Each structure stands twice: as C-alpha cells, then as structure tokens.
N, C-alpha and C. Protein backbone atom coordinates (compact mmCIF):
# COMPACT_ATOMS: atom_id res chain seq x y z
N MET A 1 14.40 45.12 15.92
CA MET A 1 15.00 45.16 14.90
C MET A 1 14.09 43.96 13.54
N TYR A 2 13.57 44.82 12.57
CA TYR A 2 12.58 43.77 11.60
C TYR A 2 13.36 43.08 10.71
N ALA A 3 13.27 41.45 10.47
CA ALA A 3 13.82 40.56 9.91
C ALA A 3 13.68 41.15 8.19
N THR A 4 14.51 40.94 7.05
CA THR A 4 13.91 41.78 5.89
C THR A 4 13.36 40.25 5.67
N ARG A 5 12.75 40.62 4.42
CA ARG A 5 11.79 39.42 3.81
C ARG A 5 12.98 38.79 2.63
N PRO A 6 13.01 37.79 2.48
CA PRO A 6 14.03 37.46 1.48
C PRO A 6 13.36 37.36 -0.08
N ARG A 7 14.36 37.67 -1.00
CA ARG A 7 13.75 37.72 -2.07
C ARG A 7 12.67 36.23 -2.67
N SER A 8 11.57 36.44 -3.04
CA SER A 8 10.85 35.36 -3.34
C SER A 8 10.20 35.20 -4.63
N GLY A 9 11.02 35.82 -5.51
CA GLY A 9 10.63 35.72 -7.18
C GLY A 9 11.00 34.42 -7.71
N ALA A 10 12.06 33.87 -7.21
CA ALA A 10 12.59 32.52 -7.77
C ALA A 10 11.87 31.21 -7.18
N ARG A 11 11.92 31.96 -5.84
CA ARG A 11 10.80 30.59 -5.05
C ARG A 11 9.53 30.07 -5.40
N THR A 12 8.79 31.53 -5.81
CA THR A 12 7.56 31.76 -6.21
C THR A 12 7.37 30.90 -7.72
N ASN A 13 8.52 30.84 -8.73
CA ASN A 13 8.66 30.96 -9.73
C ASN A 13 8.30 29.02 -9.94
N GLN A 14 9.33 28.46 -8.53
CA GLN A 14 9.63 27.25 -8.43
C GLN A 14 8.22 26.80 -8.17
N GLN A 15 7.75 27.33 -6.98
CA GLN A 15 6.61 26.56 -6.80
C GLN A 15 5.50 26.56 -7.72
N ARG A 16 5.63 27.35 -8.51
CA ARG A 16 4.47 27.78 -9.56
C ARG A 16 4.49 26.55 -10.58
N SER A 17 5.90 25.98 -10.70
CA SER A 17 6.42 24.89 -11.84
C SER A 17 6.20 24.13 -11.29
N GLU A 18 6.26 24.06 -9.77
CA GLU A 18 5.51 22.36 -9.10
C GLU A 18 3.87 22.05 -9.33
N THR A 19 3.59 23.06 -9.16
CA THR A 19 1.87 23.33 -8.73
C THR A 19 1.40 23.03 -10.59
N THR A 20 2.23 23.73 -11.32
CA THR A 20 1.59 23.20 -12.70
C THR A 20 1.91 21.81 -12.85
N THR A 21 3.25 21.10 -12.78
CA THR A 21 3.40 19.79 -12.90
C THR A 21 2.96 19.12 -12.22
N ARG A 22 2.11 19.19 -11.19
CA ARG A 22 1.86 17.94 -10.41
C ARG A 22 0.31 18.31 -10.78
N ALA A 23 -0.10 19.29 -11.50
CA ALA A 23 -1.46 19.33 -12.11
C ALA A 23 -1.50 18.48 -13.42
N LEU A 24 -0.39 18.69 -14.10
CA LEU A 24 -0.70 17.92 -15.32
C LEU A 24 -0.40 16.27 -14.92
N MET A 25 0.36 15.81 -13.76
CA MET A 25 0.39 14.44 -13.36
C MET A 25 -0.58 13.92 -13.00
N ALA A 26 -1.32 14.87 -12.09
CA ALA A 26 -2.83 14.18 -11.80
C ALA A 26 -3.89 14.25 -12.76
N ALA A 27 -4.04 15.13 -13.49
CA ALA A 27 -5.02 15.03 -14.91
C ALA A 27 -4.50 13.79 -15.37
N ALA A 28 -3.18 13.72 -15.98
CA ALA A 28 -2.78 12.47 -16.97
C ALA A 28 -2.81 11.36 -16.10
N ARG A 29 -2.94 11.14 -15.28
CA ARG A 29 -2.72 9.94 -14.44
C ARG A 29 -4.30 9.42 -14.13
N HIS A 30 -5.51 10.51 -14.02
CA HIS A 30 -7.15 10.14 -13.99
C HIS A 30 -7.07 9.66 -15.51
N LEU A 31 -6.81 10.32 -16.38
CA LEU A 31 -7.04 9.96 -17.90
C LEU A 31 -6.28 8.70 -18.32
N PHE A 32 -4.98 8.27 -18.11
CA PHE A 32 -4.83 7.49 -18.28
C PHE A 32 -4.99 6.08 -17.87
N VAL A 33 -5.61 6.25 -16.44
CA VAL A 33 -6.36 5.05 -15.95
C VAL A 33 -7.83 4.69 -16.18
N GLN A 34 -8.21 5.94 -16.57
CA GLN A 34 -9.75 5.38 -16.84
C GLN A 34 -10.03 5.25 -18.71
N HIS A 35 -9.29 5.88 -19.27
CA HIS A 35 -9.38 5.84 -20.94
C HIS A 35 -8.25 5.05 -21.60
N GLY A 36 -6.91 4.85 -20.97
CA GLY A 36 -5.77 4.10 -21.41
C GLY A 36 -4.71 5.35 -21.98
N TYR A 37 -3.73 5.01 -22.32
CA TYR A 37 -3.00 5.46 -22.59
C TYR A 37 -2.93 6.10 -24.30
N ALA A 38 -3.53 5.17 -25.10
CA ALA A 38 -3.82 5.52 -26.55
C ALA A 38 -4.75 6.38 -26.89
N GLU A 39 -5.61 6.39 -25.63
CA GLU A 39 -6.97 7.05 -25.61
C GLU A 39 -7.28 8.50 -25.18
N THR A 40 -5.76 8.35 -24.56
CA THR A 40 -5.84 10.02 -23.96
C THR A 40 -5.09 11.00 -24.83
N SER A 41 -5.51 12.10 -25.21
CA SER A 41 -4.46 13.12 -25.85
C SER A 41 -4.58 14.36 -25.05
N THR A 42 -3.20 14.90 -25.75
CA THR A 42 -2.43 16.00 -24.88
C THR A 42 -3.53 16.80 -24.69
N PRO A 43 -4.92 17.36 -25.72
CA PRO A 43 -5.86 18.40 -24.99
C PRO A 43 -6.66 17.90 -24.12
N ASN A 44 -7.41 16.62 -23.94
CA ASN A 44 -7.86 16.06 -22.78
C ASN A 44 -6.86 16.49 -21.49
N ILE A 45 -6.14 16.22 -21.56
CA ILE A 45 -5.17 16.19 -20.33
C ILE A 45 -4.94 17.64 -19.30
N VAL A 46 -4.53 19.09 -21.06
CA VAL A 46 -4.89 20.24 -20.31
C VAL A 46 -6.06 20.68 -20.05
N GLY A 47 -7.19 20.13 -20.89
CA GLY A 47 -8.17 20.51 -20.06
C GLY A 47 -8.42 20.16 -19.02
N ARG A 48 -8.58 19.03 -18.36
CA ARG A 48 -8.57 18.64 -16.98
C ARG A 48 -7.75 19.37 -16.52
N ALA A 49 -6.59 19.29 -16.24
CA ALA A 49 -5.59 20.25 -15.52
C ALA A 49 -5.82 21.93 -15.40
N ARG A 50 -6.80 22.42 -16.72
CA ARG A 50 -6.91 23.95 -16.51
C ARG A 50 -5.35 24.34 -16.74
N ILE A 51 -4.66 23.87 -17.56
CA ILE A 51 -3.47 24.51 -17.69
C ILE A 51 -3.02 24.32 -19.29
N THR A 52 -2.46 25.40 -20.27
CA THR A 52 -2.60 25.39 -21.43
C THR A 52 -1.57 24.40 -21.79
N ARG A 53 -1.83 24.28 -23.44
CA ARG A 53 -0.62 22.88 -23.95
C ARG A 53 0.66 23.56 -23.78
N GLY A 54 1.18 24.89 -24.37
CA GLY A 54 2.63 25.48 -23.75
C GLY A 54 2.74 25.12 -22.73
N ALA A 55 2.34 24.83 -21.64
CA ALA A 55 2.72 24.62 -20.24
C ALA A 55 2.85 23.26 -20.08
N LEU A 56 2.29 22.55 -21.02
CA LEU A 56 2.19 20.90 -20.40
C LEU A 56 3.93 20.84 -21.38
N TYR A 57 4.43 21.30 -22.79
CA TYR A 57 5.32 21.44 -23.52
C TYR A 57 6.36 22.02 -22.77
N HIS A 58 6.33 22.81 -21.85
CA HIS A 58 7.14 23.33 -21.15
C HIS A 58 7.92 22.57 -20.17
N HIS A 59 7.34 21.50 -19.44
CA HIS A 59 7.88 20.34 -18.76
C HIS A 59 8.08 18.98 -18.91
N PHE A 60 7.32 18.96 -20.08
CA PHE A 60 7.23 17.61 -20.74
C PHE A 60 7.43 17.64 -22.22
N ALA A 61 8.28 16.56 -22.44
CA ALA A 61 8.46 16.52 -24.11
C ALA A 61 7.54 16.61 -24.67
N ASP A 62 6.46 15.67 -24.49
CA ASP A 62 5.42 15.21 -25.04
C ASP A 62 4.43 14.08 -24.57
N LYS A 63 3.76 13.17 -24.71
CA LYS A 63 2.69 12.53 -23.81
C LYS A 63 3.50 11.54 -23.27
N ARG A 64 4.42 10.75 -23.99
CA ARG A 64 5.26 10.08 -23.69
C ARG A 64 5.80 10.20 -22.20
N ALA A 65 6.66 11.29 -22.52
CA ALA A 65 7.35 12.05 -21.49
C ALA A 65 6.72 12.15 -20.12
N LEU A 66 5.08 12.55 -19.95
CA LEU A 66 4.31 12.91 -19.36
C LEU A 66 3.97 11.13 -18.91
N PHE A 67 3.65 10.61 -19.72
CA PHE A 67 3.20 8.84 -19.02
C PHE A 67 4.35 8.51 -18.06
N LEU A 68 5.81 8.61 -18.71
CA LEU A 68 6.71 7.96 -17.95
C LEU A 68 6.94 8.34 -16.62
N ALA A 69 6.87 9.65 -16.38
CA ALA A 69 7.02 10.09 -15.21
C ALA A 69 5.66 10.04 -14.01
N VAL A 70 4.68 9.84 -14.79
CA VAL A 70 3.69 9.22 -13.94
C VAL A 70 3.66 7.99 -13.24
N VAL A 71 4.14 6.70 -14.52
CA VAL A 71 4.61 5.72 -14.34
C VAL A 71 5.69 5.34 -13.00
N GLU A 72 6.99 6.43 -13.44
CA GLU A 72 7.79 6.41 -12.28
C GLU A 72 7.36 6.72 -10.78
N GLU A 73 6.79 7.43 -10.40
CA GLU A 73 5.92 8.14 -9.55
C GLU A 73 5.22 7.01 -8.95
N GLU A 74 4.45 6.40 -9.54
CA GLU A 74 4.06 4.91 -8.90
C GLU A 74 4.77 4.29 -8.56
N ALA A 75 5.54 3.98 -9.65
CA ALA A 75 6.40 2.80 -8.72
C ALA A 75 7.41 3.11 -7.43
N ARG A 76 7.79 4.61 -7.32
CA ARG A 76 8.35 5.09 -6.02
C ARG A 76 7.62 4.86 -4.74
N ALA A 77 6.22 5.09 -5.27
CA ALA A 77 5.35 5.08 -4.51
C ALA A 77 5.11 3.75 -3.64
N VAL A 78 4.93 2.52 -4.73
CA VAL A 78 5.11 0.96 -4.06
C VAL A 78 6.14 0.93 -3.08
N ALA A 79 7.17 1.17 -3.95
CA ALA A 79 8.57 0.95 -2.98
C ALA A 79 8.60 1.51 -1.83
N ALA A 80 8.09 3.02 -1.51
CA ALA A 80 7.95 3.66 -0.35
C ALA A 80 7.10 2.84 0.62
N GLU A 81 5.97 2.70 0.22
CA GLU A 81 5.15 1.32 0.93
C GLU A 81 5.64 0.28 1.85
N ILE A 82 6.18 -0.23 0.86
CA ILE A 82 6.80 -1.41 1.31
C ILE A 82 8.01 -1.12 2.17
N GLU A 83 8.88 -0.27 2.13
CA GLU A 83 10.00 0.11 2.80
C GLU A 83 9.35 1.04 4.45
N ALA A 84 8.00 1.36 4.30
CA ALA A 84 7.80 2.10 5.31
C ALA A 84 7.05 0.85 6.45
N ALA A 85 6.53 -0.13 5.20
CA ALA A 85 5.80 -1.67 6.42
C ALA A 85 7.13 -2.65 6.75
N THR A 86 8.20 -2.18 6.48
CA THR A 86 8.96 -3.27 6.72
C THR A 86 10.42 -2.56 7.61
N SER A 87 10.30 -1.33 7.69
CA SER A 87 11.47 -0.53 8.22
C SER A 87 11.81 -0.93 9.54
N ALA A 88 10.47 -1.37 10.39
CA ALA A 88 10.84 -1.80 11.99
C ALA A 88 10.84 -2.64 12.26
N VAL A 89 10.53 -3.95 11.40
CA VAL A 89 10.40 -5.33 11.49
C VAL A 89 12.35 -6.15 11.64
N GLU A 90 13.03 -6.47 12.52
CA GLU A 90 13.89 -6.77 12.65
C GLU A 90 14.26 -8.13 11.70
N ASP A 91 14.21 -9.09 12.03
CA ASP A 91 13.87 -10.82 11.45
C ASP A 91 13.81 -10.38 10.04
N PRO A 92 14.87 -10.89 9.13
CA PRO A 92 14.86 -10.84 7.78
C PRO A 92 13.49 -11.70 7.22
N LEU A 93 13.33 -12.61 7.87
CA LEU A 93 12.30 -13.71 7.03
C LEU A 93 10.77 -13.03 6.89
N ASP A 94 10.41 -12.55 8.39
CA ASP A 94 9.83 -11.63 8.79
C ASP A 94 9.32 -10.36 7.56
N ALA A 95 10.60 -10.00 7.85
CA ALA A 95 10.32 -8.58 6.93
C ALA A 95 10.17 -9.07 5.64
N LEU A 96 10.73 -9.92 5.04
CA LEU A 96 10.29 -10.59 3.37
C LEU A 96 8.90 -10.49 3.32
N LEU A 97 7.97 -11.61 4.21
CA LEU A 97 7.01 -11.63 4.67
C LEU A 97 6.21 -10.60 4.69
N VAL A 98 6.42 -9.45 5.43
CA VAL A 98 5.44 -8.24 5.50
C VAL A 98 5.20 -7.26 3.98
N GLY A 99 7.10 -7.38 3.81
CA GLY A 99 7.21 -6.78 2.44
C GLY A 99 6.39 -7.12 1.29
N SER A 100 6.04 -8.57 1.08
CA SER A 100 4.97 -9.43 0.45
C SER A 100 3.75 -8.97 0.38
N ASP A 101 3.26 -9.09 1.85
CA ASP A 101 2.18 -8.33 1.73
C ASP A 101 1.64 -6.99 1.49
N ALA A 102 2.68 -6.14 1.87
CA ALA A 102 3.04 -4.67 1.57
C ALA A 102 2.76 -4.29 -0.02
N TYR A 103 3.77 -5.12 -0.79
CA TYR A 103 3.44 -4.57 -2.09
C TYR A 103 2.12 -5.39 -2.82
N LEU A 104 1.45 -6.43 -2.25
CA LEU A 104 0.27 -6.58 -2.71
C LEU A 104 -0.85 -5.05 -2.27
N ASP A 105 -0.69 -5.05 -1.36
CA ASP A 105 -1.57 -3.80 -0.69
C ASP A 105 -1.35 -2.52 -1.89
N ALA A 106 -0.05 -2.27 -1.76
CA ALA A 106 0.02 -0.87 -2.34
C ALA A 106 -0.62 -1.31 -4.17
N MET A 107 -0.45 -2.51 -4.44
CA MET A 107 -0.87 -2.70 -5.66
C MET A 107 -2.36 -2.63 -5.94
N THR A 108 -3.43 -2.31 -4.63
CA THR A 108 -4.43 -2.20 -4.78
C THR A 108 -5.11 -0.66 -5.16
N VAL A 109 -4.23 -0.05 -4.89
CA VAL A 109 -4.66 1.24 -5.31
C VAL A 109 -5.17 1.16 -6.52
N PRO A 110 -6.35 2.09 -6.57
CA PRO A 110 -6.83 2.12 -8.15
C PRO A 110 -6.08 2.44 -9.33
N GLY A 111 -5.99 1.89 -10.54
CA GLY A 111 -5.30 2.47 -11.52
C GLY A 111 -3.97 1.76 -11.67
N ARG A 112 -3.18 1.59 -10.42
CA ARG A 112 -1.97 1.36 -10.47
C ARG A 112 -1.34 0.18 -11.33
N THR A 113 -2.25 -0.87 -11.31
CA THR A 113 -1.65 -2.25 -12.11
C THR A 113 -1.78 -2.02 -13.74
N ARG A 114 -2.66 -1.14 -13.72
CA ARG A 114 -2.67 -1.08 -15.17
C ARG A 114 -1.54 0.03 -15.41
N LEU A 115 -1.45 0.74 -15.07
CA LEU A 115 -0.02 2.07 -15.18
C LEU A 115 1.15 1.08 -15.23
N LEU A 116 1.43 0.36 -14.28
CA LEU A 116 2.79 -0.51 -13.95
C LEU A 116 3.10 -1.96 -14.56
N LEU A 117 1.71 -2.59 -15.09
CA LEU A 117 2.06 -4.02 -15.28
C LEU A 117 1.17 -4.32 -16.51
N LEU A 118 0.51 -3.16 -17.08
CA LEU A 118 -0.32 -3.22 -18.52
C LEU A 118 -0.05 -2.25 -19.44
N ASP A 119 -0.44 -1.04 -19.46
CA ASP A 119 0.20 -0.44 -20.22
C ASP A 119 1.55 0.51 -20.15
N GLY A 120 1.78 0.04 -18.94
CA GLY A 120 3.83 0.77 -18.75
C GLY A 120 4.60 -0.12 -19.66
N PRO A 121 4.56 -1.22 -20.15
CA PRO A 121 5.41 -2.41 -20.41
C PRO A 121 5.03 -2.16 -22.38
N ALA A 122 3.80 -1.87 -22.41
CA ALA A 122 2.95 -1.86 -23.88
C ALA A 122 3.38 -0.31 -24.41
N VAL A 123 3.64 0.88 -23.75
CA VAL A 123 4.25 2.04 -23.99
C VAL A 123 5.44 2.33 -23.72
N LEU A 124 6.11 2.06 -22.96
CA LEU A 124 7.61 2.53 -22.67
C LEU A 124 8.59 1.35 -23.14
N GLY A 125 7.82 0.25 -23.11
CA GLY A 125 8.57 -1.15 -23.40
C GLY A 125 9.49 -1.88 -22.24
N VAL A 126 9.66 -2.93 -22.11
CA VAL A 126 9.96 -4.14 -21.52
C VAL A 126 11.38 -3.74 -20.47
N GLN A 127 12.54 -2.51 -21.60
CA GLN A 127 13.72 -2.66 -20.83
C GLN A 127 13.58 -1.60 -19.95
N VAL A 128 12.63 -0.54 -20.39
CA VAL A 128 12.32 0.97 -19.84
C VAL A 128 11.60 0.52 -18.39
N MET A 129 10.63 -0.57 -18.32
CA MET A 129 10.01 -0.74 -17.13
C MET A 129 10.88 -1.57 -16.22
N ARG A 130 11.74 -2.49 -16.74
CA ARG A 130 12.71 -3.36 -16.09
C ARG A 130 13.55 -2.65 -15.23
N GLY A 131 13.70 -1.30 -16.23
CA GLY A 131 14.66 -0.08 -15.49
C GLY A 131 13.84 0.43 -14.23
N ILE A 132 13.13 0.80 -14.19
CA ILE A 132 12.24 0.94 -13.13
C ILE A 132 11.48 0.51 -12.08
N ASP A 133 11.72 -0.98 -12.28
CA ASP A 133 11.41 -1.65 -11.36
C ASP A 133 12.70 -2.06 -10.68
N GLU A 134 13.68 -1.86 -11.30
CA GLU A 134 14.64 -2.61 -10.56
C GLU A 134 15.28 -1.44 -9.48
N SER A 135 14.91 0.17 -9.84
CA SER A 135 15.23 1.01 -8.66
C SER A 135 14.17 1.24 -8.05
N SER A 136 12.77 0.40 -7.93
CA SER A 136 11.87 0.58 -6.89
C SER A 136 11.61 -0.75 -6.29
N SER A 137 10.57 -1.35 -6.66
CA SER A 137 9.86 -2.54 -5.76
C SER A 137 10.85 -3.76 -6.10
N ALA A 138 11.46 -3.97 -6.95
CA ALA A 138 12.63 -5.06 -7.39
C ALA A 138 13.82 -4.82 -6.63
N ARG A 139 14.24 -3.81 -6.24
CA ARG A 139 15.01 -3.79 -5.37
C ARG A 139 15.19 -4.11 -4.25
N THR A 140 13.64 -3.87 -3.73
CA THR A 140 13.38 -3.83 -2.11
C THR A 140 13.36 -5.64 -2.20
N LEU A 141 13.20 -5.99 -3.01
CA LEU A 141 12.51 -7.39 -3.20
C LEU A 141 14.08 -8.40 -3.16
N ARG A 142 14.89 -8.03 -3.67
CA ARG A 142 16.40 -8.44 -4.18
C ARG A 142 16.92 -8.23 -2.60
N ALA A 143 16.90 -7.44 -1.98
CA ALA A 143 17.62 -6.96 -0.85
C ALA A 143 16.83 -7.98 0.24
N GLY A 144 15.92 -8.16 0.02
CA GLY A 144 14.86 -9.09 1.17
C GLY A 144 15.47 -10.47 0.86
N ILE A 145 15.21 -10.93 -0.29
CA ILE A 145 15.69 -12.10 -0.40
C ILE A 145 17.21 -12.41 -0.16
N GLY A 146 17.82 -11.55 -0.34
CA GLY A 146 19.41 -11.71 -0.02
C GLY A 146 19.41 -11.55 1.50
N ALA A 147 18.89 -10.91 2.31
CA ALA A 147 19.32 -11.03 3.50
C ALA A 147 18.64 -12.23 4.19
N VAL A 148 17.77 -13.12 3.73
CA VAL A 148 17.22 -14.15 4.00
C VAL A 148 17.88 -15.38 3.71
N MET A 149 18.38 -15.27 2.71
CA MET A 149 19.15 -16.63 1.74
C MET A 149 20.63 -16.62 2.09
N HIS A 150 20.97 -15.35 1.94
CA HIS A 150 22.78 -15.06 1.99
C HIS A 150 22.95 -15.40 0.57
N LYS A 151 23.72 -16.53 0.15
CA LYS A 151 24.37 -16.96 -0.70
C LYS A 151 24.04 -18.66 -1.36
N PRO A 152 22.94 -18.98 -1.71
CA PRO A 152 22.28 -20.47 -2.16
C PRO A 152 23.16 -20.46 -3.18
N ARG A 153 23.41 -22.41 -3.10
CA ARG A 153 24.27 -22.83 -3.57
C ARG A 153 23.67 -23.10 -5.16
N GLY A 154 24.13 -22.55 -6.39
CA GLY A 154 24.11 -23.06 -7.80
C GLY A 154 22.90 -22.14 -8.10
N VAL A 155 22.22 -20.99 -7.48
CA VAL A 155 21.34 -20.40 -7.70
C VAL A 155 21.66 -18.60 -7.38
N SER A 156 21.15 -17.78 -8.73
CA SER A 156 21.62 -16.76 -8.91
C SER A 156 20.47 -16.19 -8.40
N LEU A 157 20.55 -15.21 -7.34
CA LEU A 157 19.83 -14.40 -6.40
C LEU A 157 19.11 -13.07 -7.57
N ASP A 158 19.95 -12.31 -8.72
CA ASP A 158 19.20 -11.87 -9.62
C ASP A 158 18.21 -12.82 -10.35
N ARG A 159 18.34 -13.64 -10.73
CA ARG A 159 17.29 -14.66 -11.18
C ARG A 159 15.97 -14.76 -10.60
N LEU A 160 16.51 -15.05 -9.44
CA LEU A 160 15.27 -15.56 -8.56
C LEU A 160 14.56 -14.58 -8.05
N GLY A 161 15.33 -13.30 -7.90
CA GLY A 161 14.56 -11.83 -7.80
C GLY A 161 13.69 -11.75 -9.13
N SER A 162 14.26 -12.04 -10.22
CA SER A 162 13.45 -11.58 -11.34
C SER A 162 11.79 -12.67 -11.22
N LEU A 163 12.36 -13.87 -10.95
CA LEU A 163 11.37 -14.44 -11.23
C LEU A 163 10.07 -14.36 -10.18
N LEU A 164 10.78 -13.94 -9.06
CA LEU A 164 9.62 -14.04 -7.71
C LEU A 164 9.18 -12.66 -8.16
N SER A 165 9.54 -11.69 -8.76
CA SER A 165 8.77 -9.93 -8.88
C SER A 165 7.91 -10.98 -9.99
N SER A 166 7.89 -11.66 -11.15
CA SER A 166 6.84 -11.68 -12.03
C SER A 166 5.69 -12.36 -11.47
N ALA A 167 5.82 -13.57 -10.05
CA ALA A 167 5.11 -13.96 -9.35
C ALA A 167 4.32 -13.05 -8.76
N PHE A 168 5.01 -12.04 -8.23
CA PHE A 168 4.06 -10.88 -7.56
C PHE A 168 3.32 -10.33 -8.31
N ASP A 169 3.59 -9.53 -9.64
CA ASP A 169 3.00 -8.82 -10.88
C ASP A 169 1.84 -10.00 -10.96
N ARG A 170 2.16 -11.25 -11.41
CA ARG A 170 0.90 -12.20 -11.33
C ARG A 170 -0.11 -12.10 -10.15
N ALA A 171 0.48 -12.02 -9.20
CA ALA A 171 -0.57 -12.13 -8.17
C ALA A 171 -1.40 -10.64 -8.02
N ALA A 172 -0.70 -9.54 -8.21
CA ALA A 172 -1.10 -8.28 -8.15
C ALA A 172 -2.47 -8.38 -9.45
N LEU A 173 -2.48 -8.66 -10.58
CA LEU A 173 -3.32 -8.99 -11.79
C LEU A 173 -4.43 -9.69 -11.41
N ASP A 174 -4.05 -10.77 -10.37
CA ASP A 174 -5.19 -11.18 -9.91
C ASP A 174 -5.99 -10.64 -9.38
N VAL A 175 -5.59 -9.97 -8.31
CA VAL A 175 -6.84 -9.31 -7.73
C VAL A 175 -7.07 -8.28 -8.11
N ALA A 176 -6.18 -7.47 -8.90
CA ALA A 176 -6.98 -6.33 -9.85
C ALA A 176 -8.23 -7.14 -10.61
N ALA A 177 -8.40 -8.17 -10.98
CA ALA A 177 -9.22 -8.76 -11.66
C ALA A 177 -10.27 -9.54 -11.08
N GLY A 178 -10.25 -9.37 -9.55
CA GLY A 178 -11.10 -9.84 -8.65
C GLY A 178 -11.02 -10.94 -7.60
N ALA A 179 -9.80 -11.60 -8.12
CA ALA A 179 -8.99 -12.74 -6.65
C ALA A 179 -9.16 -12.07 -5.22
N ASP A 180 -9.16 -12.88 -4.17
CA ASP A 180 -9.44 -12.53 -3.20
C ASP A 180 -7.86 -12.69 -2.72
N LEU A 181 -7.52 -11.05 -2.13
CA LEU A 181 -6.10 -10.45 -1.61
C LEU A 181 -5.25 -11.24 -0.66
N ARG A 182 -6.37 -11.95 0.13
CA ARG A 182 -5.65 -12.79 1.31
C ARG A 182 -5.46 -13.83 0.69
N GLU A 183 -6.43 -14.38 -0.29
CA GLU A 183 -5.59 -15.61 -0.70
C GLU A 183 -4.65 -15.47 -1.59
N ALA A 184 -4.41 -14.40 -2.20
CA ALA A 184 -3.02 -13.78 -3.05
C ALA A 184 -1.78 -13.45 -1.86
N LYS A 185 -2.13 -13.32 -0.65
CA LYS A 185 -1.19 -13.08 0.22
C LYS A 185 -0.66 -14.26 0.50
N ALA A 186 -1.80 -15.07 0.80
CA ALA A 186 -1.02 -16.13 1.48
C ALA A 186 -0.08 -17.17 0.58
N ALA A 187 -0.65 -17.07 -0.77
CA ALA A 187 0.18 -18.00 -1.67
C ALA A 187 1.38 -17.60 -2.03
N MET A 188 1.57 -15.96 -1.76
CA MET A 188 2.76 -15.43 -1.82
C MET A 188 4.04 -15.49 -0.59
N ARG A 189 3.12 -15.85 0.29
CA ARG A 189 3.77 -16.27 1.88
C ARG A 189 4.32 -17.13 1.07
N PHE A 190 3.36 -18.19 1.28
CA PHE A 190 3.79 -19.81 0.97
C PHE A 190 4.75 -19.98 -0.14
N VAL A 191 4.83 -19.57 -1.07
CA VAL A 191 6.19 -19.71 -2.14
C VAL A 191 7.52 -19.18 -1.33
N LEU A 192 7.51 -17.91 -0.61
CA LEU A 192 8.55 -17.30 -0.34
C LEU A 192 9.25 -18.12 0.86
N SER A 193 8.09 -18.63 1.74
CA SER A 193 8.42 -19.64 2.57
C SER A 193 9.56 -20.76 2.38
N ARG A 194 8.95 -21.56 1.22
CA ARG A 194 9.05 -22.88 1.04
C ARG A 194 10.26 -22.21 -0.31
N ILE A 195 10.88 -21.47 -0.39
CA ILE A 195 12.07 -21.04 -1.30
C ILE A 195 12.78 -20.92 -0.18
N VAL A 196 12.50 -20.18 0.96
CA VAL A 196 13.73 -19.90 1.66
C VAL A 196 14.44 -21.07 2.58
N SER A 197 13.09 -21.79 2.97
CA SER A 197 13.31 -23.20 3.88
C SER A 197 14.17 -24.32 2.90
N GLY A 198 14.07 -24.38 1.54
CA GLY A 198 14.48 -25.26 0.86
C GLY A 198 15.82 -24.86 0.02
N ALA A 199 16.05 -23.56 0.11
CA ALA A 199 17.39 -23.39 -0.95
C ALA A 199 18.37 -24.09 0.00
N PRO A 200 19.22 -24.33 -1.01
CA PRO A 200 20.55 -25.11 -0.31
C PRO A 200 21.57 -24.13 -0.35
N ARG A 201 21.99 -24.30 0.82
CA ARG A 201 23.05 -23.11 1.05
C ARG A 201 24.66 -23.58 0.91
N VAL A 202 25.63 -22.76 0.53
CA VAL A 202 27.03 -22.60 0.41
C VAL A 202 27.21 -23.27 1.88
C-alpha cells in the first residue's frame, strides 16, 4: 500500500515566506551593522537580499519594523546562550557567575553591541528596548540574582537587576571598544560576588 503524498501547497508557501523573511533579516542585519540604521535604505536591503520591495513590505511594515525584528532576534540569541551555559549548573551562585561570563561572550558576536546597545535605543526608544531586555537577558539576570539573594533587606531585586544590567552593558561596550574580555569577566564576577556576600538578609 502506497502512502498518499500530503498536500504541500500551504506548507510550501509557508516555507517560502520563512525563507524570504530570513533573507531580509540577514541582509538587513549585515547592512545595519556595517552602515548603521540611518544610512541603510530599503533599496539597499532588498538589493542585498535579492528580493523585491513589494516582498519586503509584505513581511514588514517598514524599515523600523524590520530593524525591530533583527534586534529582537539578537536579544533572544543572547538569552539562549546564557541559558545554555547555565542549564547544567546546579549551584545558584555558580550559575550566576557562569551566566555573567556567557552574557559577555554572547555580546562579542560582531555587530551585536551596536544593534542592542547603541542603535537599538536610538531607533526604537528606551522603553521598547527595556521591554525587549526584560523578556531576554534581563529576565535571566533577575532570576539568577533572586535565586542567590532571596530577599535582601531593604533592596529591590528589580532595581538591583536594572543597575547590574547597566553594568553588564557597559562592560560589553568596553570590550567592543577594545577592552580585554577576561578583565571584563573578572570585574563582573567580582561585583556579583561582593554584592551577594555583602547583602543584608531578612
């Protein structure tokens, strides 16, 4: 008995749509990193992707929407790398320190600091970027701090997480500007260890 072949029209259309989206995002990412958001035009993007402008506007409302998709994908990638590095680490403090290293490693991917820390806030605004961060690396950082510190007396974990997130971003920018990655990792590990060891408990 021969198995009947499933209708593949819808699936083929979906695959074609996904392929087009991936091509647009890959082309846009390259150009945004190389030239910046302002200097990248939609004709540049479709030319590099070898896709029509009509196809671009079928998948994305405008250049800003495409940029947002690229930034969101970068943020998800960072969070995934942190979670992969810490998933097998049982001790909460060790997991926090390993996650710290993983974040800085993840941010060494070429163009990532520009997309997430420079052009992202400038193009999308602080509030949008904060929302993206909250659903990705900031979420993993806050969970790690909470697992280690529980309820430090008189200290908001949300505020502490926000401050530490800013410190991590500063370290990532320093590394992108030429600072030694190992020194940045050691500095962040020192800060985290001292905060954890010196926190007043309930």
